[in-house]
C-alpha atoms as a PDB file:
ATOM      1  CA  MET A   1    -117.660  49.106  24.399  1.00  0.00           C
ATOM      2  CA  LYS A   2    -116.669  49.898  20.365  1.00  0.00           C
ATOM      3  CA  ALA A   3    -113.290  51.862  22.036  1.00  0.00           C
ATOM      4  CA  SER A   4    -112.259  48.868  24.209  1.00  0.00           C
ATOM      5  CA  TRP A   5    -112.656  45.823  21.152  1.00  0.00           C
ATOM      6  CA  LEU A   6    -110.537  48.309  19.051  1.00  0.00           C
ATOM      7  CA  PHE A   7    -108.154  48.668  21.495  1.00  0.00           C
ATOM      8  CA  ALA A   8    -108.541  45.029  21.367  1.00  0.00           C
ATOM      9  CA  ALA A   9    -107.586  44.732  17.531  1.00  0.00           C
ATOM     10  CA  PHE A  10    -104.309  46.711  18.318  1.00  0.00           C
ATOM     11  CA  ALA A  11    -103.325  45.225  21.141  1.00  0.00           C
ATOM     12  CA  PHE A  12    -103.117  41.886  19.206  1.00  0.00           C
ATOM     13  CA  LEU A  13    -101.934  43.287  16.129  1.00  0.00           C
ATOM     14  CA  GLY A  14     -98.855  45.042  17.837  1.00  0.00           C
ATOM     15  CA  ALA A  15     -98.173  42.058  20.008  1.00  0.00           C
ATOM     16  CA  ALA A  16     -98.017  39.989  16.280  1.00  0.00           C
ATOM     17  CA  GLY A  17     -95.394  42.495  15.081  1.00  0.00           C
ATOM     18  CA  GLY A  18     -93.311  42.551  17.359  1.00  0.00           C
ATOM     19  CA  PRO A  19     -91.458  38.827  16.868  1.00  0.00           C
ATOM     20  CA  GLN A  20     -90.899  40.058  13.326  1.00  0.00           C
ATOM     21  CA  ALA A  21     -89.685  43.464  14.074  1.00  0.00           C
ATOM     22  CA  ALA A  22     -87.478  42.036  16.191  1.00  0.00           C
ATOM     23  CA  SER A  23     -86.027  39.858  13.399  1.00  0.00           C
ATOM     24  CA  ALA A  24     -84.368  42.572  11.043  1.00  0.00           C
ATOM     25  CA  ALA A  25     -82.754  45.859  12.411  1.00  0.00           C
ATOM     26  CA  ASP A  26     -82.898  48.589   9.537  1.00  0.00           C
ATOM     27  CA  ALA A  27     -79.303  50.107   7.563  1.00  0.00           C
ATOM     28  CA  PHE A  28     -78.286  52.934   5.359  1.00  0.00           C
ATOM     29  CA  THR A  29     -76.458  52.616   2.419  1.00  0.00           C
ATOM     30  CA  ILE A  30     -73.350  55.031   2.454  1.00  0.00           C
ATOM     31  CA  THR A  31     -73.191  55.145  -1.484  1.00  0.00           C
ATOM     32  CA  ASP A  32     -74.647  53.065  -4.614  1.00  0.00           C
ATOM     33  CA  VAL A  33     -73.731  50.314  -4.016  1.00  0.00           C
ATOM     34  CA  ASN A  34     -74.872  46.977  -5.908  1.00  0.00           C
ATOM     35  CA  MET A  35     -77.457  44.181  -4.143  1.00  0.00           C
ATOM     36  CA  ARG A  36     -76.613  40.929  -5.282  1.00  0.00           C
ATOM     37  CA  ALA A  37     -78.327  37.218  -5.982  1.00  0.00           C
ATOM     38  CA  GLY A  38     -75.511  35.928  -2.878  1.00  0.00           C
ATOM     39  CA  PRO A  39     -72.748  37.133  -1.271  1.00  0.00           C
ATOM     40  CA  SER A  40     -70.276  37.763  -3.602  1.00  0.00           C
ATOM     41  CA  THR A  41     -69.892  40.121  -6.086  1.00  0.00           C
ATOM     42  CA  ARG A  42     -68.942  37.504  -8.796  1.00  0.00           C
ATOM     43  CA  PHE A  43     -73.355  36.794  -8.109  1.00  0.00           C
ATOM     44  CA  PRO A  44     -75.986  38.539 -10.735  1.00  0.00           C
ATOM     45  CA  ARG A  45     -76.475  42.210  -9.572  1.00  0.00           C
ATOM     46  CA  ILE A  46     -80.537  42.499  -8.631  1.00  0.00           C
ATOM     47  CA  THR A  47     -80.762  46.438  -8.692  1.00  0.00           C
ATOM     48  CA  THR A  48     -78.379  49.455  -7.608  1.00  0.00           C
ATOM     49  CA  LEU A  49     -79.624  50.572  -3.750  1.00  0.00           C
ATOM     50  CA  PRO A  50     -79.064  54.756  -4.242  1.00  0.00           C
ATOM     51  CA  ALA A  51     -77.228  55.916  -1.331  1.00  0.00           C
ATOM     52  CA  GLY A  52     -78.655  57.372   2.061  1.00  0.00           C
ATOM     53  CA  VAL A  53     -81.712  54.868   2.029  1.00  0.00           C
ATOM     54  CA  ALA A  54     -82.992  52.253   3.888  1.00  0.00           C
ATOM     55  CA  THR A  55     -82.937  48.962   3.951  1.00  0.00           C
ATOM     56  CA  THR A  56     -83.325  45.741   6.040  1.00  0.00           C
ATOM     57  CA  VAL A  57     -80.848  43.397   7.707  1.00  0.00           C
ATOM     58  CA  TYR A  58     -82.026  40.969   8.189  1.00  0.00           C
ATOM     59  CA  GLY A  59     -78.504  38.963   9.104  1.00  0.00           C
ATOM     60  CA  CYS A  60     -75.303  38.627   8.278  1.00  0.00           C
ATOM     61  CA  THR A  61     -72.007  36.418   7.059  1.00  0.00           C
ATOM     62  CA  ARG A  62     -70.187  35.706   9.736  1.00  0.00           C
ATOM     63  CA  SER A  63     -67.306  37.416   8.168  1.00  0.00           C
ATOM     64  CA  TRP A  64     -69.275  40.497   9.060  1.00  0.00           C
ATOM     65  CA  ASP A  65     -68.156  40.996   4.481  1.00  0.00           C
ATOM     66  CA  TRP A  66     -72.162  40.464   3.677  1.00  0.00           C
ATOM     67  CA  CYS A  67     -76.106  41.237   4.713  1.00  0.00           C
ATOM     68  CA  ASP A  68     -79.295  40.067   3.471  1.00  0.00           C
ATOM     69  CA  THR A  69     -81.101  42.983   3.257  1.00  0.00           C
ATOM     70  CA  GLY A  70     -84.756  43.991   1.316  1.00  0.00           C
ATOM     71  CA  TRP A  71     -85.110  47.062  -0.116  1.00  0.00           C
ATOM     72  CA  ARG A  72     -88.669  47.821  -1.567  1.00  0.00           C
ATOM     73  CA  GLY A  73     -90.077  44.127  -2.240  1.00  0.00           C
ATOM     74  CA  LEU A  74     -86.415  43.250  -3.820  1.00  0.00           C
ATOM     75  CA  ARG A  75     -84.855  40.578  -1.177  1.00  0.00           C
ATOM     76  CA  GLY A  76     -80.533  40.273  -1.171  1.00  0.00           C
ATOM     77  CA  TRP A  77     -77.194  40.630  -0.432  1.00  0.00           C
ATOM     78  CA  VAL A  78     -74.758  43.916   0.135  1.00  0.00           C
ATOM     79  CA  SER A  79     -71.757  44.432   1.138  1.00  0.00           C
ATOM     80  CA  ALA A  80     -72.118  45.324   4.534  1.00  0.00           C
ATOM     81  CA  HIS A  81     -69.184  47.790   3.939  1.00  0.00           C
ATOM     82  CA  TYR A  82     -71.847  50.013   2.432  1.00  0.00           C
ATOM     83  CA  LEU A  83     -73.891  49.998   4.928  1.00  0.00           C
ATOM     84  CA  GLU A  84     -74.856  51.991   8.559  1.00  0.00           C
ATOM     85  CA  SER A  85     -77.079  51.271  11.245  1.00  0.00           C
ATOM     86  CA  LEU A  86     -77.856  53.426  14.763  1.00  0.00           C
ATOM     87  CA  TYR A  87     -75.897  52.652  17.249  1.00  0.00           C
ATOM     88  CA  ASP A  88     -75.547  55.250  20.203  1.00  0.00           C
ATOM     89  CA  ASP A  89     -77.890  57.701  18.696  1.00  0.00           C
ATOM     90  CA  ARG A  90     -75.320  57.692  15.484  1.00  0.00           C
ATOM     91  CA  ARG A  91     -74.721  55.887  12.744  1.00  0.00           C
ATOM     92  CA  VAL A  92     -72.137  53.112  12.531  1.00  0.00           C
ATOM     93  CA  ILE A  93     -70.676  51.418   9.208  1.00  0.00           C
ATOM     94  CA  VAL A  94     -71.838  47.994  10.172  1.00  0.00           C
ATOM     95  CA  PRO A  95     -69.164  44.976  10.099  1.00  0.00           C
ATOM     96  CA  ASP A  96     -67.497  47.075  12.974  1.00  0.00           C
ATOM     97  CA  TYR A  97     -70.784  46.948  15.301  1.00  0.00           C
ATOM     98  CA  GLY A  98     -73.236  44.858  13.701  1.00  0.00           C
ATOM     99  CA  ARG A  99     -72.274  41.524  17.015  1.00  0.00           C
ATOM    100  CA  THR A 100     -72.599  44.703  19.139  1.00  0.00           C
ATOM    101  CA  ILE A 101     -76.177  46.324  17.580  1.00  0.00           C
ATOM    102  CA  GLY A 102     -77.277  42.668  17.583  1.00  0.00           C
ATOM    103  CA  LEU A 103     -76.946  41.835  14.187  1.00  0.00           C
ATOM    104  CA  PRO A 104     -77.626  37.748  13.994  1.00  0.00           C
ATOM    105  CA  ILE A 105     -75.207  36.183  11.971  1.00  0.00           C
ATOM    106  CA  ILE A 106     -76.585  33.894   9.045  1.00  0.00           C
ATOM    107  CA  THR A 107     -75.852  31.470   5.720  1.00  0.00           C
ATOM    108  CA  PHE A 108     -76.321  31.404   2.461  1.00  0.00           C
ATOM    109  CA  GLU A 109     -78.410  28.860   1.837  1.00  0.00           C
ATOM    110  CA  PHE A 110     -78.117  29.031  -1.779  1.00  0.00           C
ATOM    111  CA  GLY A 111     -80.880  26.191  -3.633  1.00  0.00           C
ATOM    112  CA  THR A 112     -83.407  27.792  -0.575  1.00  0.00           C
ATOM    113  CA  TYR A 113     -82.862  31.405  -1.567  1.00  0.00           C
ATOM    114  CA  TRP A 114     -82.550  31.141  -5.298  1.00  0.00           C
ATOM    115  CA  ASP A 115     -86.059  28.887  -5.451  1.00  0.00           C
ATOM    116  CA  ARG A 116     -87.841  31.576  -2.402  1.00  0.00           C
ATOM    117  CA  TRP A 117     -86.642  34.922  -4.073  1.00  0.00           C
ATOM    118  CA  TYR A 118     -85.863  34.657  -7.912  1.00  0.00           C
ATOM    119  CA  ARG A 119     -87.907  32.329  -9.875  1.00  0.00           C
ATOM    120  CA  ASP A 120     -89.136  35.183 -11.778  1.00  0.00           C
ATOM    121  CA  ARG A 121     -84.919  36.363 -12.985  1.00  0.00           C
ATOM    122  CA  PRO A 122     -83.591  35.554 -16.026  1.00  0.00           C
ATOM    123  CA  TRP A 123     -80.667  33.757 -15.114  1.00  0.00           C
ATOM    124  CA  TYR A 124     -82.772  31.740 -11.938  1.00  0.00           C
ATOM    125  CA  ARG A 125     -83.206  29.049 -15.692  1.00  0.00           C
ATOM    126  CA  GLU A 126     -79.123  28.873 -14.773  1.00  0.00           C
ATOM    127  CA  ARG A 127     -79.149  27.987 -11.316  1.00  0.00           C
ATOM    128  CA  ASP A 128     -77.685  24.322 -11.501  1.00  0.00           C
ATOM    129  CA  ARG A 129     -74.360  26.881 -13.312  1.00  0.00           C
ATOM    130  CA  TRP A 130     -74.427  29.472 -10.972  1.00  0.00           C
ATOM    131  CA  ARG A 131     -75.493  26.832  -7.558  1.00  0.00           C
ATOM    132  CA  ARG A 132     -71.837  24.539  -9.182  1.00  0.00           C
ATOM    133  CA  GLU A 133     -69.576  27.276  -9.180  1.00  0.00           C
ATOM    134  CA  TRP A 134     -70.646  29.044  -5.876  1.00  0.00           C
ATOM    135  CA  ARG A 135     -69.264  25.135  -4.501  1.00  0.00           C
ATOM    136  CA  SER A 136     -66.397  25.271  -6.225  1.00  0.00           C
ATOM    137  CA  GLY A 137     -64.794  28.213  -4.831  1.00  0.00           C
ATOM    138  CA  TRP A 138     -66.777  30.919  -4.068  1.00  0.00           C
ATOM    139  CA  ALA A 139     -67.802  29.760  -0.983  1.00  0.00           C
ATOM    140  CA  ALA A 140     -64.581  29.466   0.316  1.00  0.00           C
ATOM    141  CA  GLU A 141     -63.485  32.576  -0.417  1.00  0.00           C
ATOM    142  CA  ILE A 142     -66.066  34.430   1.357  1.00  0.00           C
ATOM    143  CA  GLU A 143     -66.313  32.468   4.759  1.00  0.00           C
ATOM    144  CA  PRO A 144     -62.647  30.932   4.824  1.00  0.00           C
ATOM    145  CA  GLU A 145     -62.851  28.234   7.770  1.00  0.00           C
ATOM    146  CA  ARG A 146     -59.792  29.906   9.382  1.00  0.00           C
ATOM    147  CA  THR A 147     -62.022  33.154  10.146  1.00  0.00           C
ATOM    148  CA  TYR A 148     -65.218  30.931  11.821  1.00  0.00           C
ATOM    149  CA  ARG A 149     -62.125  29.992  14.175  1.00  0.00           C
ATOM    150  CA  ALA A 150     -61.081  33.768  14.927  1.00  0.00           C
ATOM    151  CA  ILE A 151     -64.221  34.862  15.675  1.00  0.00           C
ATOM    152  CA  GLU A 152     -65.378  31.939  17.635  1.00  0.00           C
ATOM    153  CA  MET A 153     -62.679  31.966  20.269  1.00  0.00           C
ATOM    154  CA  GLU A 154     -61.711  35.704  20.450  1.00  0.00           C
ATOM    155  CA  PRO A 155     -63.080  38.726  19.172  1.00  0.00           C
ATOM    156  CA  HIS A 156     -61.347  41.281  17.069  1.00  0.00           C
ATOM    157  CA  ARG A 157     -60.568  43.923  18.450  1.00  0.00           C
ATOM    158  CA  ARG A 158     -62.463  45.904  15.957  1.00  0.00           C
ATOM    159  CA  ASP A 159     -66.044  44.176  17.349  1.00  0.00           C
ATOM    160  CA  VAL A 160     -65.345  45.904  19.996  1.00  0.00           C
ATOM    161  CA  PRO A 161     -66.531  49.606  20.255  1.00  0.00           C
ATOM    162  CA  PRO A 162     -64.276  52.105  20.971  1.00  0.00           C
ATOM    163  CA  GLY A 163     -66.079  52.945  23.703  1.00  0.00           C
ATOM    164  CA  ILE A 164     -66.610  49.815  25.755  1.00  0.00           C
ATOM    165  CA  ARG A 165     -62.637  48.644  25.046  1.00  0.00           C
ATOM    166  CA  LYS A 166     -62.161  51.360  27.888  1.00  0.00           C
ATOM    167  CA  LYS A 167     -63.805  50.458  29.646  1.00  0.00           C
ATOM    168  CA  GLY A 168     -62.810  46.526  29.809  1.00  0.00           C
ATOM    169  CA  PRO A 169     -63.408  43.477  28.412  1.00  0.00           C
ATOM    170  CA  ASP A 170     -66.322  42.068  30.660  1.00  0.00           C
ATOM    171  CA  PHE A 171     -68.028  45.402  30.136  1.00  0.00           C
ATOM    172  CA  CYS A 172     -72.261  45.475  29.287  1.00  0.00           C
ATOM    173  CA  PRO A 173     -74.071  47.955  27.551  1.00  0.00           C
ATOM    174  CA  PRO A 174     -76.647  48.552  28.937  1.00  0.00           C
ATOM    175  CA  GLY A 175     -79.257  47.946  25.636  1.00  0.00           C
ATOM    176  CA  GLN A 176     -77.218  44.162  25.574  1.00  0.00           C
ATOM    177  CA  GLN A 177     -77.918  43.914  29.009  1.00  0.00           C
ATOM    178  CA  LYS A 178     -81.569  43.740  28.455  1.00  0.00           C
ATOM    179  CA  LYS A 179     -81.359  41.873  25.752  1.00  0.00           C
ATOM    180  CA  GLY A 180     -79.171  38.998  27.750  1.00  0.00           C
ATOM    181  CA  ARG A 181     -76.967  38.896  25.185  1.00  0.00           C
ATOM    182  CA  CYS A 182     -74.278  39.136  28.199  1.00  0.00           C
END
């Protein structure tokens, strides 16, 4: 009787943890890289992630330049060009394979993000200044409108891994078929 109760408890915990695990992915830093309070080098530095550490990626900007990451209880943005993720049992650079891997595209919502993660930081009290600067032009530098149109209308050649490129534009990798993405 105890064994069946214990099995049921583990099954419930596994089912409860499933959707959360599916919403994020692991990546590895390829060099020491700064984690920032927003998707730009102009935002305050939270910490420096050492080379080779595993991080959790919650999503990336549409341009695949920045990813919202978590590491050791910290949350912040890391340049995607310094992150690798696993694809076909090898490490690949996130901007080149993010779409194929299935990383979600997300946007940076200044107010809610800072309110949730940075209230205890010394630069949080200058929040209004940081928000004004972000809205006055940084956002356009990070995610220009032309980038949105280019990605949505036609995938960039770099978004398609070399092995898939050879198989034609209609090829769908088996892992993506299972996820219903093709």
